[in-house]
Amino acid sequence: MESGPEAFAGTAFALFGAGLLVWTGVCVRTGMPVADGVSRPVAAVAALLAGALFLTTGCWLLAGL
């Protein structure tokens, strides 16, 4: 009964984290700004850390099923 919300949250976190990592990688590789009003290295590092955190959390939630 409780595995449904956990599976949904784990999938959502994992997909968002993976998408954020891919998007950040594309922005850095093409030279596009990652965030407006922030220097490129700071924005790229912050986005990579957030993406890794979301992906790790999603995998952790899915592993608990």
PDB file of N, CA and C in Angstrom:
ATOM      1  N   MET A   1       0.821  -1.184   0.000  1.00  0.00           N
ATOM      2  CA  MET A   1       0.000   0.000   0.000  1.00  0.00           C
ATOM      3  C   MET A   1       0.875   1.262   0.000  1.00  0.00           C
ATOM      4  N   GLU A   2       1.935   1.276   0.782  1.00  0.00           N
ATOM      5  CA  GLU A   2       2.774   2.470   0.863  1.00  0.00           C
ATOM      6  C   GLU A   2       3.843   2.517  -0.223  1.00  0.00           C
ATOM      7  N   SER A   3       3.985   1.475  -0.999  1.00  0.00           N
ATOM      8  CA  SER A   3       5.029   1.464  -2.011  1.00  0.00           C
ATOM      9  C   SER A   3       4.642   2.298  -3.233  1.00  0.00           C
ATOM     10  N   GLY A   4       3.363   2.562  -3.439  1.00  0.00           N
ATOM     11  CA  GLY A   4       2.926   3.363  -4.577  1.00  0.00           C
ATOM     12  C   GLY A   4       3.468   4.784  -4.537  1.00  0.00           C
ATOM     13  N   PRO A   5       3.230   5.531  -3.438  1.00  0.00           N
ATOM     14  CA  PRO A   5       3.776   6.877  -3.358  1.00  0.00           C
ATOM     15  C   PRO A   5       5.301   6.908  -3.357  1.00  0.00           C
ATOM     16  N   GLU A   6       5.910   5.899  -2.754  1.00  0.00           N
ATOM     17  CA  GLU A   6       7.374   5.842  -2.732  1.00  0.00           C
ATOM     18  C   GLU A   6       7.935   5.618  -4.136  1.00  0.00           C
ATOM     19  N   ALA A   7       7.273   4.767  -4.903  1.00  0.00           N
ATOM     20  CA  ALA A   7       7.709   4.518  -6.281  1.00  0.00           C
ATOM     21  C   ALA A   7       7.515   5.772  -7.134  1.00  0.00           C
ATOM     22  N   PHE A   8       6.396   6.470  -6.943  1.00  0.00           N
ATOM     23  CA  PHE A   8       6.146   7.695  -7.697  1.00  0.00           C
ATOM     24  C   PHE A   8       7.178   8.763  -7.351  1.00  0.00           C
ATOM     25  N   ALA A   9       7.443   8.958  -6.064  1.00  0.00           N
ATOM     26  CA  ALA A   9       8.414   9.966  -5.640  1.00  0.00           C
ATOM     27  C   ALA A   9       9.819   9.609  -6.121  1.00  0.00           C
ATOM     28  N   GLY A  10      10.188   8.340  -6.022  1.00  0.00           N
ATOM     29  CA  GLY A  10      11.501   7.920  -6.480  1.00  0.00           C
ATOM     30  C   GLY A  10      11.683   8.129  -7.970  1.00  0.00           C
ATOM     31  N   THR A  11      10.656   7.813  -8.735  1.00  0.00           N
ATOM     32  CA  THR A  11      10.717   8.018 -10.180  1.00  0.00           C
ATOM     33  C   THR A  11      10.796   9.489 -10.521  1.00  0.00           C
ATOM     34  N   ALA A  12       9.988  10.302  -9.843  1.00  0.00           N
ATOM     35  CA  ALA A  12       9.999  11.747 -10.101  1.00  0.00           C
ATOM     36  C   ALA A  12      11.359  12.360  -9.766  1.00  0.00           C
ATOM     37  N   PHE A  13      11.913  12.010  -8.622  1.00  0.00           N
ATOM     38  CA  PHE A  13      13.218  12.534  -8.227  1.00  0.00           C
ATOM     39  C   PHE A  13      14.305  12.088  -9.198  1.00  0.00           C
ATOM     40  N   ALA A  14      14.289  10.820  -9.566  1.00  0.00           N
ATOM     41  CA  ALA A  14      15.322  10.297 -10.457  1.00  0.00           C
ATOM     42  C   ALA A  14      15.231  10.931 -11.846  1.00  0.00           C
ATOM     43  N   LEU A  15      14.041  11.068 -12.385  1.00  0.00           N
ATOM     44  CA  LEU A  15      13.887  11.685 -13.698  1.00  0.00           C
ATOM     45  C   LEU A  15      14.277  13.160 -13.674  1.00  0.00           C
ATOM     46  N   PHE A  16      13.884  13.876 -12.623  1.00  0.00           N
ATOM     47  CA  PHE A  16      14.251  15.279 -12.527  1.00  0.00           C
ATOM     48  C   PHE A  16      15.760  15.440 -12.395  1.00  0.00           C
ATOM     49  N   GLY A  17      16.389  14.610 -11.559  1.00  0.00           N
ATOM     50  CA  GLY A  17      17.835  14.688 -11.383  1.00  0.00           C
ATOM     51  C   GLY A  17      18.583  14.375 -12.658  1.00  0.00           C
ATOM     52  N   ALA A  18      18.160  13.332 -13.363  1.00  0.00           N
ATOM     53  CA  ALA A  18      18.815  12.973 -14.620  1.00  0.00           C
ATOM     54  C   ALA A  18      18.611  14.063 -15.664  1.00  0.00           C
ATOM     55  N   GLY A  19      17.404  14.606 -15.730  1.00  0.00           N
ATOM     56  CA  GLY A  19      17.135  15.692 -16.675  1.00  0.00           C
ATOM     57  C   GLY A  19      17.953  16.933 -16.378  1.00  0.00           C
ATOM     58  N   LEU A  20      18.104  17.254 -15.101  1.00  0.00           N
ATOM     59  CA  LEU A  20      18.898  18.418 -14.716  1.00  0.00           C
ATOM     60  C   LEU A  20      20.371  18.217 -15.055  1.00  0.00           C
ATOM     61  N   LEU A  21      20.879  17.013 -14.862  1.00  0.00           N
ATOM     62  CA  LEU A  21      22.268  16.732 -15.218  1.00  0.00           C
ATOM     63  C   LEU A  21      22.483  16.830 -16.726  1.00  0.00           C
ATOM     64  N   VAL A  22      21.563  16.285 -17.506  1.00  0.00           N
ATOM     65  CA  VAL A  22      21.693  16.347 -18.963  1.00  0.00           C
ATOM     66  C   VAL A  22      21.591  17.787 -19.445  1.00  0.00           C
ATOM     67  N   TRP A  23      20.615  18.522 -18.933  1.00  0.00           N
ATOM     68  CA  TRP A  23      20.422  19.916 -19.331  1.00  0.00           C
ATOM     69  C   TRP A  23      21.651  20.764 -18.979  1.00  0.00           C
ATOM     70  N   THR A  24      22.200  20.576 -17.795  1.00  0.00           N
ATOM     71  CA  THR A  24      23.379  21.320 -17.389  1.00  0.00           C
ATOM     72  C   THR A  24      24.570  20.977 -18.270  1.00  0.00           C
ATOM     73  N   GLY A  25      24.729  19.704 -18.574  1.00  0.00           N
ATOM     74  CA  GLY A  25      25.819  19.291 -19.455  1.00  0.00           C
ATOM     75  C   GLY A  25      25.707  19.908 -20.837  1.00  0.00           C
ATOM     76  N   VAL A  26      24.508  19.949 -21.386  1.00  0.00           N
ATOM     77  CA  VAL A  26      24.305  20.558 -22.703  1.00  0.00           C
ATOM     78  C   VAL A  26      24.597  22.054 -22.654  1.00  0.00           C
ATOM     79  N   CYS A  27      24.126  22.727 -21.609  1.00  0.00           N
ATOM     80  CA  CYS A  27      24.375  24.166 -21.479  1.00  0.00           C
ATOM     81  C   CYS A  27      25.860  24.468 -21.350  1.00  0.00           C
ATOM     82  N   VAL A  28      26.558  23.694 -20.546  1.00  0.00           N
ATOM     83  CA  VAL A  28      27.992  23.926 -20.361  1.00  0.00           C
ATOM     84  C   VAL A  28      28.749  23.640 -21.652  1.00  0.00           C
ATOM     85  N   ARG A  29      28.373  22.572 -22.334  1.00  0.00           N
ATOM     86  CA  ARG A  29      29.083  22.184 -23.554  1.00  0.00           C
ATOM     87  C   ARG A  29      28.875  23.178 -24.689  1.00  0.00           C
ATOM     88  N   THR A  30      27.668  23.745 -24.799  1.00  0.00           N
ATOM     89  CA  THR A  30      27.382  24.683 -25.880  1.00  0.00           C
ATOM     90  C   THR A  30      27.704  26.124 -25.516  1.00  0.00           C
ATOM     91  N   GLY A  31      28.017  26.382 -24.259  1.00  0.00           N
ATOM     92  CA  GLY A  31      28.354  27.733 -23.832  1.00  0.00           C
ATOM     93  C   GLY A  31      27.162  28.587 -23.460  1.00  0.00           C
ATOM     94  N   MET A  32      25.993  27.985 -23.389  1.00  0.00           N
ATOM     95  CA  MET A  32      24.799  28.720 -22.981  1.00  0.00           C
ATOM     96  C   MET A  32      24.838  28.959 -21.477  1.00  0.00           C
ATOM     97  N   PRO A  33      24.189  30.027 -20.993  1.00  0.00           N
ATOM     98  CA  PRO A  33      24.154  30.248 -19.546  1.00  0.00           C
ATOM     99  C   PRO A  33      23.289  29.192 -18.854  1.00  0.00           C
ATOM    100  N   VAL A  34      23.742  28.756 -17.712  1.00  0.00           N
ATOM    101  CA  VAL A  34      22.988  27.766 -16.947  1.00  0.00           C
ATOM    102  C   VAL A  34      21.892  28.448 -16.147  1.00  0.00           C
ATOM    103  N   ALA A  35      22.184  29.622 -15.598  1.00  0.00           N
ATOM    104  CA  ALA A  35      21.207  30.407 -14.845  1.00  0.00           C
ATOM    105  C   ALA A  35      21.448  31.887 -15.129  1.00  0.00           C
ATOM    106  N   ASP A  36      20.386  32.660 -15.126  1.00  0.00           N
ATOM    107  CA  ASP A  36      20.511  34.091 -15.379  1.00  0.00           C
ATOM    108  C   ASP A  36      21.022  34.816 -14.139  1.00  0.00           C
ATOM    109  N   GLY A  37      21.963  35.714 -14.338  1.00  0.00           N
ATOM    110  CA  GLY A  37      22.452  36.549 -13.249  1.00  0.00           C
ATOM    111  C   GLY A  37      23.478  35.891 -12.350  1.00  0.00           C
ATOM    112  N   VAL A  38      23.966  34.726 -12.719  1.00  0.00           N
ATOM    113  CA  VAL A  38      24.946  34.006 -11.896  1.00  0.00           C
ATOM    114  C   VAL A  38      26.111  33.652 -12.806  1.00  0.00           C
ATOM    115  N   SER A  39      27.326  33.679 -12.252  1.00  0.00           N
ATOM    116  CA  SER A  39      28.478  33.314 -13.077  1.00  0.00           C
ATOM    117  C   SER A  39      28.368  31.858 -13.525  1.00  0.00           C
ATOM    118  N   ARG A  40      28.910  31.562 -14.686  1.00  0.00           N
ATOM    119  CA  ARG A  40      28.776  30.219 -15.263  1.00  0.00           C
ATOM    120  C   ARG A  40      29.329  29.107 -14.387  1.00  0.00           C
ATOM    121  N   PRO A  41      30.539  29.255 -13.837  1.00  0.00           N
ATOM    122  CA  PRO A  41      31.058  28.145 -13.013  1.00  0.00           C
ATOM    123  C   PRO A  41      30.212  27.883 -11.763  1.00  0.00           C
ATOM    124  N   VAL A  42      29.764  28.952 -11.112  1.00  0.00           N
ATOM    125  CA  VAL A  42      28.958  28.770  -9.893  1.00  0.00           C
ATOM    126  C   VAL A  42      27.626  28.117 -10.233  1.00  0.00           C
ATOM    127  N   ALA A  43      26.984  28.571 -11.300  1.00  0.00           N
ATOM    128  CA  ALA A  43      25.695  28.002 -11.700  1.00  0.00           C
ATOM    129  C   ALA A  43      25.848  26.551 -12.125  1.00  0.00           C
ATOM    130  N   ALA A  44      26.908  26.243 -12.857  1.00  0.00           N
ATOM    131  CA  ALA A  44      27.113  24.870 -13.324  1.00  0.00           C
ATOM    132  C   ALA A  44      27.362  23.928 -12.147  1.00  0.00           C
ATOM    133  N   VAL A  45      28.185  24.350 -11.201  1.00  0.00           N
ATOM    134  CA  VAL A  45      28.469  23.496 -10.042  1.00  0.00           C
ATOM    135  C   VAL A  45      27.216  23.303  -9.201  1.00  0.00           C
ATOM    136  N   ALA A  46      26.462  24.370  -8.977  1.00  0.00           N
ATOM    137  CA  ALA A  46      25.234  24.263  -8.180  1.00  0.00           C
ATOM    138  C   ALA A  46      24.220  23.343  -8.860  1.00  0.00           C
ATOM    139  N   ALA A  47      24.069  23.476 -10.170  1.00  0.00           N
ATOM    140  CA  ALA A  47      23.118  22.634 -10.896  1.00  0.00           C
ATOM    141  C   ALA A  47      23.580  21.180 -10.913  1.00  0.00           C
ATOM    142  N   LEU A  48      24.873  20.940 -11.065  1.00  0.00           N
ATOM    143  CA  LEU A  48      25.381  19.565 -11.050  1.00  0.00           C
ATOM    144  C   LEU A  48      25.195  18.921  -9.678  1.00  0.00           C
ATOM    145  N   LEU A  49      25.453  19.667  -8.624  1.00  0.00           N
ATOM    146  CA  LEU A  49      25.257  19.133  -7.273  1.00  0.00           C
ATOM    147  C   LEU A  49      23.784  18.842  -7.009  1.00  0.00           C
ATOM    148  N   ALA A  50      22.907  19.751  -7.421  1.00  0.00           N
ATOM    149  CA  ALA A  50      21.474  19.525  -7.227  1.00  0.00           C
ATOM    150  C   ALA A  50      20.993  18.328  -8.035  1.00  0.00           C
ATOM    151  N   GLY A  51      21.449  18.211  -9.275  1.00  0.00           N
ATOM    152  CA  GLY A  51      21.057  17.066 -10.095  1.00  0.00           C
ATOM    153  C   GLY A  51      21.527  15.755  -9.499  1.00  0.00           C
ATOM    154  N   ALA A  52      22.763  15.729  -9.022  1.00  0.00           N
ATOM    155  CA  ALA A  52      23.289  14.516  -8.401  1.00  0.00           C
ATOM    156  C   ALA A  52      22.517  14.176  -7.119  1.00  0.00           C
ATOM    157  N   LEU A  53      22.159  15.199  -6.353  1.00  0.00           N
ATOM    158  CA  LEU A  53      21.400  14.970  -5.122  1.00  0.00           C
ATOM    159  C   LEU A  53      20.019  14.411  -5.433  1.00  0.00           C
ATOM    160  N   PHE A  54      19.326  14.978  -6.412  1.00  0.00           N
ATOM    161  CA  PHE A  54      18.005  14.481  -6.782  1.00  0.00           C
ATOM    162  C   PHE A  54      18.080  13.058  -7.340  1.00  0.00           C
ATOM    163  N   LEU A  55      19.065  12.791  -8.177  1.00  0.00           N
ATOM    164  CA  LEU A  55      19.212  11.457  -8.741  1.00  0.00           C
ATOM    165  C   LEU A  55      19.528  10.434  -7.657  1.00  0.00           C
ATOM    166  N   THR A  56      20.393  10.785  -6.737  1.00  0.00           N
ATOM    167  CA  THR A  56      20.728   9.885  -5.631  1.00  0.00           C
ATOM    168  C   THR A  56      19.520   9.625  -4.747  1.00  0.00           C
ATOM    169  N   THR A  57      18.759  10.670  -4.453  1.00  0.00           N
ATOM    170  CA  THR A  57      17.560  10.501  -3.629  1.00  0.00           C
ATOM    171  C   THR A  57      16.540   9.605  -4.317  1.00  0.00           C
ATOM    172  N   GLY A  58      16.358   9.812  -5.616  1.00  0.00           N
ATOM    173  CA  GLY A  58      15.425   8.972  -6.358  1.00  0.00           C
ATOM    174  C   GLY A  58      15.847   7.515  -6.378  1.00  0.00           C
ATOM    175  N   CYS A  59      17.121   7.276  -6.587  1.00  0.00           N
ATOM    176  CA  CYS A  59      17.615   5.890  -6.574  1.00  0.00           C
ATOM    177  C   CYS A  59      17.486   5.266  -5.187  1.00  0.00           C
ATOM    178  N   TRP A  60      17.716   6.046  -4.152  1.00  0.00           N
ATOM    179  CA  TRP A  60      17.584   5.551  -2.791  1.00  0.00           C
ATOM    180  C   TRP A  60      16.132   5.173  -2.494  1.00  0.00           C
ATOM    181  N   LEU A  61      15.192   6.012  -2.945  1.00  0.00           N
ATOM    182  CA  LEU A  61      13.784   5.710  -2.734  1.00  0.00           C
ATOM    183  C   LEU A  61      13.363   4.459  -3.515  1.00  0.00           C
ATOM    184  N   LEU A  62      13.840   4.339  -4.736  1.00  0.00           N
ATOM    185  CA  LEU A  62      13.490   3.167  -5.533  1.00  0.00           C
ATOM    186  C   LEU A  62      14.135   1.894  -5.015  1.00  0.00           C
ATOM    187  N   ALA A  63      15.307   2.016  -4.404  1.00  0.00           N
ATOM    188  CA  ALA A  63      15.988   0.833  -3.846  1.00  0.00           C
ATOM    189  C   ALA A  63      15.252   0.308  -2.609  1.00  0.00           C
ATOM    190  N   GLY A  64      14.484   1.169  -1.954  1.00  0.00           N
ATOM    191  CA  GLY A  64      13.772   0.748  -0.757  1.00  0.00           C
ATOM    192  C   GLY A  64      12.502  -0.017  -1.047  1.00  0.00           C
ATOM    193  N   LEU A  65      12.155  -0.189  -2.297  1.00  0.00           N
ATOM    194  CA  LEU A  65      10.912  -0.913  -2.621  1.00  0.00           C
ATOM    195  C   LEU A  65      11.087  -2.353  -2.381  1.00  0.00           C
TER     196      LEU A  65
END
